[in-house]
Amino acid sequence: MIEHLVLIRWQPGIERHQINDVLAQARKMSGIDGVLDVSILRNLEKARPEQGKGINDILRITIADEEALAGFGPAPLHREFAKSMLPIADDITIVDIPIDPAGSISS
C-alpha cells in the first residue's frame, strides 16, 4: 500500500468556499482504479506555525500498490482535480510513503 500525501498551501486571498469546492473534487478520485481511500486533513498550525510553512490542507490518498500509483497520475479524475487545484495553490508538496500490510512504513 502507498500513502500519497499532497500538502497544500493556498494562495493568499483564496476564499474557503473555493477551497472547499476543489477539495470536494478530490473526493471523486476515490473512483480511480487502485485508490482505496481519499481523506482531507486540515493543518491546525498550532504546534509551530513557522515550521508548518503555511500548509493549510493535506490530501491523504491511499493507493493499493506501485502499479496503481503509476496509473493514478494520468487518470482523468486526477487530471480534472489538478486543473482545478493548481490555479489556486501557492505551493504543493507530494510525498509517497510505502506502507506494509501491518501498517508500518516499509523500505
PDB file of N, CA and C in Angstrom:
ATOM      1  N   MET A   1       0.838  -1.173   0.000  1.00  0.00           N
ATOM      2  CA  MET A   1       0.000   0.000   0.000  1.00  0.00           C
ATOM      3  C   MET A   1       0.886   1.239   0.000  1.00  0.00           C
ATOM      4  N   ILE A   2       0.359   2.329  -0.542  1.00  0.00           N
ATOM      5  CA  ILE A   2       1.097   3.585  -0.595  1.00  0.00           C
ATOM      6  C   ILE A   2       0.188   4.704  -0.100  1.00  0.00           C
ATOM      7  N   GLU A   3       0.729   5.517   0.791  1.00  0.00           N
ATOM      8  CA  GLU A   3       0.042   6.739   1.210  1.00  0.00           C
ATOM      9  C   GLU A   3       0.599   7.862   0.340  1.00  0.00           C
ATOM     10  N   HIS A   4      -0.241   8.413  -0.490  1.00  0.00           N
ATOM     11  CA  HIS A   4       0.112   9.521  -1.381  1.00  0.00           C
ATOM     12  C   HIS A   4      -0.382  10.784  -0.683  1.00  0.00           C
ATOM     13  N   LEU A   5       0.544  11.584  -0.174  1.00  0.00           N
ATOM     14  CA  LEU A   5       0.191  12.788   0.572  1.00  0.00           C
ATOM     15  C   LEU A   5       0.458  14.017  -0.278  1.00  0.00           C
ATOM     16  N   VAL A   6      -0.508  14.919  -0.301  1.00  0.00           N
ATOM     17  CA  VAL A   6      -0.364  16.183  -1.012  1.00  0.00           C
ATOM     18  C   VAL A   6      -0.559  17.295   0.016  1.00  0.00           C
ATOM     19  N   LEU A   7       0.525  18.004   0.317  1.00  0.00           N
ATOM     20  CA  LEU A   7       0.498  19.099   1.272  1.00  0.00           C
ATOM     21  C   LEU A   7       0.299  20.390   0.492  1.00  0.00           C
ATOM     22  N   ILE A   8      -0.754  21.131   0.840  1.00  0.00           N
ATOM     23  CA  ILE A   8      -1.163  22.283   0.030  1.00  0.00           C
ATOM     24  C   ILE A   8      -1.100  23.574   0.834  1.00  0.00           C
ATOM     25  N   ARG A   9      -0.451  24.563   0.242  1.00  0.00           N
ATOM     26  CA  ARG A   9      -0.517  25.935   0.753  1.00  0.00           C
ATOM     27  C   ARG A   9      -1.270  26.719  -0.317  1.00  0.00           C
ATOM     28  N   TRP A  10      -2.404  27.282   0.069  1.00  0.00           N
ATOM     29  CA  TRP A  10      -3.247  28.020  -0.870  1.00  0.00           C
ATOM     30  C   TRP A  10      -2.717  29.435  -1.066  1.00  0.00           C
ATOM     31  N   GLN A  11      -3.036  30.009  -2.194  1.00  0.00           N
ATOM     32  CA  GLN A  11      -2.650  31.397  -2.463  1.00  0.00           C
ATOM     33  C   GLN A  11      -3.352  32.317  -1.474  1.00  0.00           C
ATOM     34  N   PRO A  12      -2.678  33.384  -1.071  1.00  0.00           N
ATOM     35  CA  PRO A  12      -3.334  34.359  -0.194  1.00  0.00           C
ATOM     36  C   PRO A  12      -4.588  34.919  -0.857  1.00  0.00           C
ATOM     37  N   GLY A  13      -5.612  35.103  -0.071  1.00  0.00           N
ATOM     38  CA  GLY A  13      -6.841  35.708  -0.569  1.00  0.00           C
ATOM     39  C   GLY A  13      -7.849  34.731  -1.160  1.00  0.00           C
ATOM     40  N   ILE A  14      -7.473  33.461  -1.290  1.00  0.00           N
ATOM     41  CA  ILE A  14      -8.428  32.475  -1.801  1.00  0.00           C
ATOM     42  C   ILE A  14      -9.454  32.209  -0.707  1.00  0.00           C
ATOM     43  N   GLU A  15     -10.710  32.272  -1.071  1.00  0.00           N
ATOM     44  CA  GLU A  15     -11.781  32.095  -0.088  1.00  0.00           C
ATOM     45  C   GLU A  15     -11.984  30.616   0.214  1.00  0.00           C
ATOM     46  N   ARG A  16     -12.412  30.343   1.448  1.00  0.00           N
ATOM     47  CA  ARG A  16     -12.573  28.950   1.888  1.00  0.00           C
ATOM     48  C   ARG A  16     -13.586  28.199   1.022  1.00  0.00           C
ATOM     49  N   HIS A  17     -14.630  28.870   0.552  1.00  0.00           N
ATOM     50  CA  HIS A  17     -15.618  28.166  -0.282  1.00  0.00           C
ATOM     51  C   HIS A  17     -14.985  27.695  -1.591  1.00  0.00           C
ATOM     52  N   GLN A  18     -14.016  28.437  -2.144  1.00  0.00           N
ATOM     53  CA  GLN A  18     -13.317  27.995  -3.354  1.00  0.00           C
ATOM     54  C   GLN A  18     -12.485  26.747  -3.042  1.00  0.00           C
ATOM     55  N   ILE A  19     -11.822  26.780  -1.906  1.00  0.00           N
ATOM     56  CA  ILE A  19     -11.008  25.641  -1.478  1.00  0.00           C
ATOM     57  C   ILE A  19     -11.893  24.426  -1.263  1.00  0.00           C
ATOM     58  N   ASN A  20     -13.016  24.622  -0.584  1.00  0.00           N
ATOM     59  CA  ASN A  20     -13.927  23.508  -0.318  1.00  0.00           C
ATOM     60  C   ASN A  20     -14.460  22.888  -1.606  1.00  0.00           C
ATOM     61  N   ASP A  21     -14.705  23.712  -2.628  1.00  0.00           N
ATOM     62  CA  ASP A  21     -15.161  23.188  -3.923  1.00  0.00           C
ATOM     63  C   ASP A  21     -14.088  22.287  -4.541  1.00  0.00           C
ATOM     64  N   VAL A  22     -12.834  22.731  -4.461  1.00  0.00           N
ATOM     65  CA  VAL A  22     -11.727  21.939  -5.013  1.00  0.00           C
ATOM     66  C   VAL A  22     -11.550  20.648  -4.219  1.00  0.00           C
ATOM     67  N   LEU A  23     -11.630  20.742  -2.901  1.00  0.00           N
ATOM     68  CA  LEU A  23     -11.453  19.551  -2.071  1.00  0.00           C
ATOM     69  C   LEU A  23     -12.594  18.556  -2.273  1.00  0.00           C
ATOM     70  N   ALA A  24     -13.776  19.039  -2.578  1.00  0.00           N
ATOM     71  CA  ALA A  24     -14.894  18.141  -2.890  1.00  0.00           C
ATOM     72  C   ALA A  24     -14.577  17.349  -4.161  1.00  0.00           C
ATOM     73  N   GLN A  25     -13.898  17.997  -5.099  1.00  0.00           N
ATOM     74  CA  GLN A  25     -13.472  17.289  -6.318  1.00  0.00           C
ATOM     75  C   GLN A  25     -12.455  16.206  -5.986  1.00  0.00           C
ATOM     76  N   ALA A  26     -11.612  16.470  -4.996  1.00  0.00           N
ATOM     77  CA  ALA A  26     -10.591  15.488  -4.608  1.00  0.00           C
ATOM     78  C   ALA A  26     -11.243  14.180  -4.179  1.00  0.00           C
ATOM     79  N   ARG A  27     -12.358  14.262  -3.509  1.00  0.00           N
ATOM     80  CA  ARG A  27     -13.040  13.058  -3.032  1.00  0.00           C
ATOM     81  C   ARG A  27     -13.470  12.147  -4.187  1.00  0.00           C
ATOM     82  N   LYS A  28     -13.697  12.740  -5.350  1.00  0.00           N
ATOM     83  CA  LYS A  28     -14.109  11.949  -6.521  1.00  0.00           C
ATOM     84  C   LYS A  28     -12.995  11.007  -6.975  1.00  0.00           C
ATOM     85  N   MET A  29     -11.755  11.302  -6.574  1.00  0.00           N
ATOM     86  CA  MET A  29     -10.649  10.450  -7.005  1.00  0.00           C
ATOM     87  C   MET A  29     -10.715   9.065  -6.390  1.00  0.00           C
ATOM     88  N   SER A  30     -11.623   8.853  -5.449  1.00  0.00           N
ATOM     89  CA  SER A  30     -11.809   7.509  -4.907  1.00  0.00           C
ATOM     90  C   SER A  30     -12.336   6.559  -5.987  1.00  0.00           C
ATOM     91  N   GLY A  31     -12.802   7.104  -7.108  1.00  0.00           N
ATOM     92  CA  GLY A  31     -13.280   6.295  -8.224  1.00  0.00           C
ATOM     93  C   GLY A  31     -12.181   5.817  -9.166  1.00  0.00           C
ATOM     94  N   ILE A  32     -10.943   6.190  -8.896  1.00  0.00           N
ATOM     95  CA  ILE A  32      -9.823   5.769  -9.743  1.00  0.00           C
ATOM     96  C   ILE A  32      -9.411   4.358  -9.340  1.00  0.00           C
ATOM     97  N   ASP A  33      -9.162   3.504 -10.319  1.00  0.00           N
ATOM     98  CA  ASP A  33      -8.717   2.131 -10.045  1.00  0.00           C
ATOM     99  C   ASP A  33      -7.495   2.141  -9.131  1.00  0.00           C
ATOM    100  N   GLY A  34      -7.557   1.337  -8.083  1.00  0.00           N
ATOM    101  CA  GLY A  34      -6.437   1.208  -7.157  1.00  0.00           C
ATOM    102  C   GLY A  34      -6.446   2.197  -6.014  1.00  0.00           C
ATOM    103  N   VAL A  35      -7.335   3.197  -6.055  1.00  0.00           N
ATOM    104  CA  VAL A  35      -7.441   4.144  -4.947  1.00  0.00           C
ATOM    105  C   VAL A  35      -8.369   3.522  -3.911  1.00  0.00           C
ATOM    106  N   LEU A  36      -7.829   3.334  -2.712  1.00  0.00           N
ATOM    107  CA  LEU A  36      -8.583   2.681  -1.644  1.00  0.00           C
ATOM    108  C   LEU A  36      -9.317   3.673  -0.755  1.00  0.00           C
ATOM    109  N   ASP A  37      -8.762   4.882  -0.617  1.00  0.00           N
ATOM    110  CA  ASP A  37      -9.376   5.882   0.269  1.00  0.00           C
ATOM    111  C   ASP A  37      -8.838   7.262  -0.082  1.00  0.00           C
ATOM    112  N   VAL A  38      -9.689   8.268   0.073  1.00  0.00           N
ATOM    113  CA  VAL A  38      -9.285   9.665  -0.067  1.00  0.00           C
ATOM    114  C   VAL A  38      -9.789  10.391   1.170  1.00  0.00           C
ATOM    115  N   SER A  39      -8.873  11.032   1.880  1.00  0.00           N
ATOM    116  CA  SER A  39      -9.294  11.833   3.029  1.00  0.00           C
ATOM    117  C   SER A  39      -8.617  13.188   2.967  1.00  0.00           C
ATOM    118  N   ILE A  40      -9.268  14.154   3.577  1.00  0.00           N
ATOM    119  CA  ILE A  40      -8.778  15.527   3.592  1.00  0.00           C
ATOM    120  C   ILE A  40      -8.544  15.912   5.036  1.00  0.00           C
ATOM    121  N   LEU A  41      -7.343  16.365   5.300  1.00  0.00           N
ATOM    122  CA  LEU A  41      -6.947  16.732   6.657  1.00  0.00           C
ATOM    123  C   LEU A  41      -6.613  18.215   6.678  1.00  0.00           C
ATOM    124  N   ARG A  42      -7.004  18.897   7.721  1.00  0.00           N
ATOM    125  CA  ARG A  42      -6.688  20.314   7.849  1.00  0.00           C
ATOM    126  C   ARG A  42      -5.564  20.477   8.855  1.00  0.00           C
ATOM    127  N   ASN A  43      -4.552  21.244   8.467  1.00  0.00           N
ATOM    128  CA  ASN A  43      -3.449  21.554   9.361  1.00  0.00           C
ATOM    129  C   ASN A  43      -3.894  22.678  10.295  1.00  0.00           C
ATOM    130  N   LEU A  44      -3.945  22.402  11.579  1.00  0.00           N
ATOM    131  CA  LEU A  44      -4.373  23.409  12.552  1.00  0.00           C
ATOM    132  C   LEU A  44      -3.286  24.445  12.825  1.00  0.00           C
ATOM    133  N   GLU A  45      -2.048  24.133  12.456  1.00  0.00           N
ATOM    134  CA  GLU A  45      -0.914  25.032  12.625  1.00  0.00           C
ATOM    135  C   GLU A  45      -0.787  25.534  14.066  1.00  0.00           C
ATOM    136  N   LYS A  46      -0.967  24.636  15.028  1.00  0.00           N
ATOM    137  CA  LYS A  46      -0.917  25.030  16.430  1.00  0.00           C
ATOM    138  C   LYS A  46       0.461  24.854  17.064  1.00  0.00           C
ATOM    139  N   ALA A  47       1.130  23.740  16.770  1.00  0.00           N
ATOM    140  CA  ALA A  47       2.372  23.436  17.475  1.00  0.00           C
ATOM    141  C   ALA A  47       3.463  24.465  17.164  1.00  0.00           C
ATOM    142  N   ARG A  48       3.832  24.571  15.922  1.00  0.00           N
ATOM    143  CA  ARG A  48       4.871  25.501  15.485  1.00  0.00           C
ATOM    144  C   ARG A  48       4.505  26.022  14.099  1.00  0.00           C
ATOM    145  N   PRO A  49       3.685  27.045  14.053  1.00  0.00           N
ATOM    146  CA  PRO A  49       3.223  27.535  12.746  1.00  0.00           C
ATOM    147  C   PRO A  49       4.361  27.869  11.782  1.00  0.00           C
ATOM    148  N   GLU A  50       5.462  28.395  12.308  1.00  0.00           N
ATOM    149  CA  GLU A  50       6.575  28.763  11.428  1.00  0.00           C
ATOM    150  C   GLU A  50       7.192  27.548  10.743  1.00  0.00           C
ATOM    151  N   GLN A  51       7.074  26.381  11.352  1.00  0.00           N
ATOM    152  CA  GLN A  51       7.605  25.181  10.726  1.00  0.00           C
ATOM    153  C   GLN A  51       6.596  24.523   9.789  1.00  0.00           C
ATOM    154  N   GLY A  52       5.353  24.921   9.897  1.00  0.00           N
ATOM    155  CA  GLY A  52       4.318  24.377   9.027  1.00  0.00           C
ATOM    156  C   GLY A  52       4.359  24.950   7.623  1.00  0.00           C
ATOM    157  N   LYS A  53       5.137  26.014   7.439  1.00  0.00           N
ATOM    158  CA  LYS A  53       5.342  26.631   6.122  1.00  0.00           C
ATOM    159  C   LYS A  53       4.041  27.026   5.424  1.00  0.00           C
ATOM    160  N   GLY A  54       3.014  27.305   6.215  1.00  0.00           N
ATOM    161  CA  GLY A  54       1.759  27.764   5.645  1.00  0.00           C
ATOM    162  C   GLY A  54       0.894  26.682   5.030  1.00  0.00           C
ATOM    163  N   ILE A  55       1.244  25.419   5.260  1.00  0.00           N
ATOM    164  CA  ILE A  55       0.438  24.324   4.707  1.00  0.00           C
ATOM    165  C   ILE A  55      -0.924  24.345   5.385  1.00  0.00           C
ATOM    166  N   ASN A  56      -1.962  24.437   4.561  1.00  0.00           N
ATOM    167  CA  ASN A  56      -3.318  24.543   5.080  1.00  0.00           C
ATOM    168  C   ASN A  56      -4.056  23.219   5.114  1.00  0.00           C
ATOM    169  N   ASP A  57      -3.945  22.465   4.033  1.00  0.00           N
ATOM    170  CA  ASP A  57      -4.697  21.227   3.897  1.00  0.00           C
ATOM    171  C   ASP A  57      -3.784  20.123   3.384  1.00  0.00           C
ATOM    172  N   ILE A  58      -4.139  18.900   3.737  1.00  0.00           N
ATOM    173  CA  ILE A  58      -3.379  17.730   3.316  1.00  0.00           C
ATOM    174  C   ILE A  58      -4.362  16.720   2.737  1.00  0.00           C
ATOM    175  N   LEU A  59      -4.086  16.274   1.524  1.00  0.00           N
ATOM    176  CA  LEU A  59      -4.854  15.181   0.940  1.00  0.00           C
ATOM    177  C   LEU A  59      -4.092  13.902   1.243  1.00  0.00           C
ATOM    178  N   ARG A  60      -4.797  12.919   1.778  1.00  0.00           N
ATOM    179  CA  ARG A  60      -4.202  11.605   2.012  1.00  0.00           C
ATOM    180  C   ARG A  60      -4.955  10.615   1.139  1.00  0.00           C
ATOM    181  N   ILE A  61      -4.246  10.103   0.150  1.00  0.00           N
ATOM    182  CA  ILE A  61      -4.853   9.177  -0.800  1.00  0.00           C
ATOM    183  C   ILE A  61      -4.152   7.839  -0.635  1.00  0.00           C
ATOM    184  N   THR A  62      -4.905   6.845  -0.223  1.00  0.00           N
ATOM    185  CA  THR A  62      -4.346   5.513  -0.027  1.00  0.00           C
ATOM    186  C   THR A  62      -4.503   4.748  -1.337  1.00  0.00           C
ATOM    187  N   ILE A  63      -3.368   4.267  -1.850  1.00  0.00           N
ATOM    188  CA  ILE A  63      -3.325   3.611  -3.146  1.00  0.00           C
ATOM    189  C   ILE A  63      -2.825   2.184  -2.948  1.00  0.00           C
ATOM    190  N   ALA A  64      -3.397   1.255  -3.675  1.00  0.00           N
ATOM    191  CA  ALA A  64      -3.150  -0.174  -3.468  1.00  0.00           C
ATOM    192  C   ALA A  64      -1.681  -0.565  -3.588  1.00  0.00           C
ATOM    193  N   ASP A  65      -1.010  -0.098  -4.641  1.00  0.00           N
ATOM    194  CA  ASP A  65       0.367  -0.536  -4.876  1.00  0.00           C
ATOM    195  C   ASP A  65       1.028   0.400  -5.876  1.00  0.00           C
ATOM    196  N   GLU A  66       2.282   0.099  -6.218  1.00  0.00           N
ATOM    197  CA  GLU A  66       3.027   0.971  -7.132  1.00  0.00           C
ATOM    198  C   GLU A  66       2.434   0.980  -8.540  1.00  0.00           C
ATOM    199  N   GLU A  67       1.885  -0.130  -8.963  1.00  0.00           N
ATOM    200  CA  GLU A  67       1.242  -0.171 -10.280  1.00  0.00           C
ATOM    201  C   GLU A  67       0.044   0.782 -10.320  1.00  0.00           C
ATOM    202  N   ALA A  68      -0.758   0.768  -9.254  1.00  0.00           N
ATOM    203  CA  ALA A  68      -1.907   1.678  -9.180  1.00  0.00           C
ATOM    204  C   ALA A  68      -1.438   3.124  -9.084  1.00  0.00           C
ATOM    205  N   LEU A  69      -0.340   3.374  -8.379  1.00  0.00           N
ATOM    206  CA  LEU A  69       0.217   4.722  -8.287  1.00  0.00           C
ATOM    207  C   LEU A  69       0.630   5.226  -9.674  1.00  0.00           C
ATOM    208  N   ALA A  70       1.224   4.350 -10.470  1.00  0.00           N
ATOM    209  CA  ALA A  70       1.641   4.730 -11.823  1.00  0.00           C
ATOM    210  C   ALA A  70       0.437   5.125 -12.684  1.00  0.00           C
ATOM    211  N   GLY A  71      -0.692   4.492 -12.471  1.00  0.00           N
ATOM    212  CA  GLY A  71      -1.893   4.815 -13.231  1.00  0.00           C
ATOM    213  C   GLY A  71      -2.685   5.976 -12.665  1.00  0.00           C
ATOM    214  N   PHE A  72      -2.379   6.372 -11.444  1.00  0.00           N
ATOM    215  CA  PHE A  72      -3.118   7.432 -10.754  1.00  0.00           C
ATOM    216  C   PHE A  72      -2.914   8.792 -11.420  1.00  0.00           C
ATOM    217  N   GLY A  73      -1.671   9.151 -11.704  1.00  0.00           N
ATOM    218  CA  GLY A  73      -1.366  10.467 -12.272  1.00  0.00           C
ATOM    219  C   GLY A  73      -2.093  10.771 -13.570  1.00  0.00           C
ATOM    220  N   PRO A  74      -2.068   9.866 -14.530  1.00  0.00           N
ATOM    221  CA  PRO A  74      -2.740  10.153 -15.800  1.00  0.00           C
ATOM    222  C   PRO A  74      -4.253   9.906 -15.799  1.00  0.00           C
ATOM    223  N   ALA A  75      -4.801   9.419 -14.703  1.00  0.00           N
ATOM    224  CA  ALA A  75      -6.242   9.135 -14.661  1.00  0.00           C
ATOM    225  C   ALA A  75      -7.047  10.423 -14.874  1.00  0.00           C
ATOM    226  N   PRO A  76      -8.117  10.366 -15.675  1.00  0.00           N
ATOM    227  CA  PRO A  76      -8.918  11.567 -15.956  1.00  0.00           C
ATOM    228  C   PRO A  76      -9.429  12.282 -14.700  1.00  0.00           C
ATOM    229  N   LEU A  77      -9.868  11.545 -13.679  1.00  0.00           N
ATOM    230  CA  LEU A  77     -10.354  12.207 -12.458  1.00  0.00           C
ATOM    231  C   LEU A  77      -9.230  12.961 -11.743  1.00  0.00           C
ATOM    232  N   HIS A  78      -8.021  12.421 -11.783  1.00  0.00           N
ATOM    233  CA  HIS A  78      -6.880  13.106 -11.170  1.00  0.00           C
ATOM    234  C   HIS A  78      -6.527  14.361 -11.965  1.00  0.00           C
ATOM    235  N   ARG A  79      -6.517  14.243 -13.280  1.00  0.00           N
ATOM    236  CA  ARG A  79      -6.176  15.396 -14.120  1.00  0.00           C
ATOM    237  C   ARG A  79      -7.204  16.508 -13.966  1.00  0.00           C
ATOM    238  N   GLU A  80      -8.466  16.143 -13.841  1.00  0.00           N
ATOM    239  CA  GLU A  80      -9.541  17.122 -13.636  1.00  0.00           C
ATOM    240  C   GLU A  80      -9.342  17.840 -12.302  1.00  0.00           C
ATOM    241  N   PHE A  81      -9.022  17.068 -11.263  1.00  0.00           N
ATOM    242  CA  PHE A  81      -8.767  17.669  -9.959  1.00  0.00           C
ATOM    243  C   PHE A  81      -7.581  18.634 -10.031  1.00  0.00           C
ATOM    244  N   ALA A  82      -6.492  18.210 -10.656  1.00  0.00           N
ATOM    245  CA  ALA A  82      -5.293  19.049 -10.751  1.00  0.00           C
ATOM    246  C   ALA A  82      -5.589  20.368 -11.465  1.00  0.00           C
ATOM    247  N   LYS A  83      -6.417  20.317 -12.509  1.00  0.00           N
ATOM    248  CA  LYS A  83      -6.775  21.541 -13.242  1.00  0.00           C
ATOM    249  C   LYS A  83      -7.502  22.539 -12.355  1.00  0.00           C
ATOM    250  N   SER A  84      -8.266  22.052 -11.396  1.00  0.00           N
ATOM    251  CA  SER A  84      -8.996  22.966 -10.511  1.00  0.00           C
ATOM    252  C   SER A  84      -8.152  23.410  -9.310  1.00  0.00           C
ATOM    253  N   MET A  85      -7.224  22.548  -8.862  1.00  0.00           N
ATOM    254  CA  MET A  85      -6.430  22.872  -7.677  1.00  0.00           C
ATOM    255  C   MET A  85      -5.242  23.772  -7.983  1.00  0.00           C
ATOM    256  N   LEU A  86      -4.495  23.444  -9.016  1.00  0.00           N
ATOM    257  CA  LEU A  86      -3.227  24.144  -9.271  1.00  0.00           C
ATOM    258  C   LEU A  86      -3.365  25.660  -9.435  1.00  0.00           C
ATOM    259  N   PRO A  87      -4.412  26.181 -10.076  1.00  0.00           N
ATOM    260  CA  PRO A  87      -4.505  27.635 -10.218  1.00  0.00           C
ATOM    261  C   PRO A  87      -4.682  28.396  -8.897  1.00  0.00           C
ATOM    262  N   ILE A  88      -5.179  27.731  -7.855  1.00  0.00           N
ATOM    263  CA  ILE A  88      -5.375  28.453  -6.583  1.00  0.00           C
ATOM    264  C   ILE A  88      -4.386  28.021  -5.503  1.00  0.00           C
ATOM    265  N   ALA A  89      -3.521  27.072  -5.831  1.00  0.00           N
ATOM    266  CA  ALA A  89      -2.494  26.642  -4.876  1.00  0.00           C
ATOM    267  C   ALA A  89      -1.267  27.529  -5.035  1.00  0.00           C
ATOM    268  N   ASP A  90      -0.698  27.924  -3.916  1.00  0.00           N
ATOM    269  CA  ASP A  90       0.542  28.692  -3.918  1.00  0.00           C
ATOM    270  C   ASP A  90       1.729  27.739  -4.028  1.00  0.00           C
ATOM    271  N   ASP A  91       1.593  26.581  -3.364  1.00  0.00           N
ATOM    272  CA  ASP A  91       2.652  25.584  -3.383  1.00  0.00           C
ATOM    273  C   ASP A  91       2.065  24.243  -2.964  1.00  0.00           C
ATOM    274  N   ILE A  92       2.596  23.171  -3.545  1.00  0.00           N
ATOM    275  CA  ILE A  92       2.227  21.828  -3.110  1.00  0.00           C
ATOM    276  C   ILE A  92       3.494  21.006  -2.931  1.00  0.00           C
ATOM    277  N   THR A  93       3.418  20.072  -2.022  1.00  0.00           N
ATOM    278  CA  THR A  93       4.476  19.083  -1.821  1.00  0.00           C
ATOM    279  C   THR A  93       3.801  17.725  -1.862  1.00  0.00           C
ATOM    280  N   ILE A  94       4.386  16.800  -2.612  1.00  0.00           N
ATOM    281  CA  ILE A  94       3.817  15.460  -2.733  1.00  0.00           C
ATOM    282  C   ILE A  94       4.799  14.458  -2.157  1.00  0.00           C
ATOM    283  N   VAL A  95       4.285  13.575  -1.305  1.00  0.00           N
ATOM    284  CA  VAL A  95       5.096  12.548  -0.665  1.00  0.00           C
ATOM    285  C   VAL A  95       4.380  11.209  -0.851  1.00  0.00           C
ATOM    286  N   ASP A  96       5.111  10.193  -1.303  1.00  0.00           N
ATOM    287  CA  ASP A  96       4.564   8.846  -1.440  1.00  0.00           C
ATOM    288  C   ASP A  96       5.279   7.943  -0.444  1.00  0.00           C
ATOM    289  N   ILE A  97       4.509   7.372   0.484  1.00  0.00           N
ATOM    290  CA  ILE A  97       5.076   6.562   1.556  1.00  0.00           C
ATOM    291  C   ILE A  97       4.558   5.134   1.431  1.00  0.00           C
ATOM    292  N   PRO A  98       5.479   4.170   1.232  1.00  0.00           N
ATOM    293  CA  PRO A  98       5.031   2.774   1.188  1.00  0.00           C
ATOM    294  C   PRO A  98       4.678   2.297   2.603  1.00  0.00           C
ATOM    295  N   ILE A  99       3.558   1.603   2.710  1.00  0.00           N
ATOM    296  CA  ILE A  99       3.087   1.082   3.996  1.00  0.00           C
ATOM    297  C   ILE A  99       2.922  -0.426   3.851  1.00  0.00           C
ATOM    298  N   ASP A 100       3.493  -1.189   4.787  1.00  0.00           N
ATOM    299  CA  ASP A 100       3.297  -2.639   4.692  1.00  0.00           C
ATOM    300  C   ASP A 100       1.934  -3.000   5.281  1.00  0.00           C
ATOM    301  N   PRO A 101       1.438  -4.204   5.029  1.00  0.00           N
ATOM    302  CA  PRO A 101       0.089  -4.584   5.485  1.00  0.00           C
ATOM    303  C   PRO A 101      -0.123  -4.459   6.988  1.00  0.00           C
ATOM    304  N   ALA A 102       0.941  -4.523   7.778  1.00  0.00           N
ATOM    305  CA  ALA A 102       0.815  -4.395   9.227  1.00  0.00           C
ATOM    306  C   ALA A 102       0.676  -2.934   9.657  1.00  0.00           C
ATOM    307  N   GLY A 103       0.825  -2.018   8.700  1.00  0.00           N
ATOM    308  CA  GLY A 103       0.628  -0.607   8.995  1.00  0.00           C
ATOM    309  C   GLY A 103       1.902   0.164   9.253  1.00  0.00           C
ATOM    310  N   SER A 104       3.047  -0.476   9.205  1.00  0.00           N
ATOM    311  CA  SER A 104       4.286   0.258   9.429  1.00  0.00           C
ATOM    312  C   SER A 104       4.886   0.691   8.089  1.00  0.00           C
ATOM    313  N   ILE A 105       5.774   1.654   8.165  1.00  0.00           N
ATOM    314  CA  ILE A 105       6.426   2.154   6.967  1.00  0.00           C
ATOM    315  C   ILE A 105       7.407   1.087   6.485  1.00  0.00           C
ATOM    316  N   SER A 106       7.335   0.804   5.200  1.00  0.00           N
ATOM    317  CA  SER A 106       8.253  -0.207   4.648  1.00  0.00           C
ATOM    318  C   SER A 106       9.337   0.488   3.854  1.00  0.00           C
ATOM    319  N   SER A 107      10.403  -0.244   3.604  1.00  0.00           N
ATOM    320  CA  SER A 107      11.528   0.380   2.879  1.00  0.00           C
ATOM    321  C   SER A 107      11.479   0.075   1.408  1.00  0.00           C
TER     322      SER A 107
END
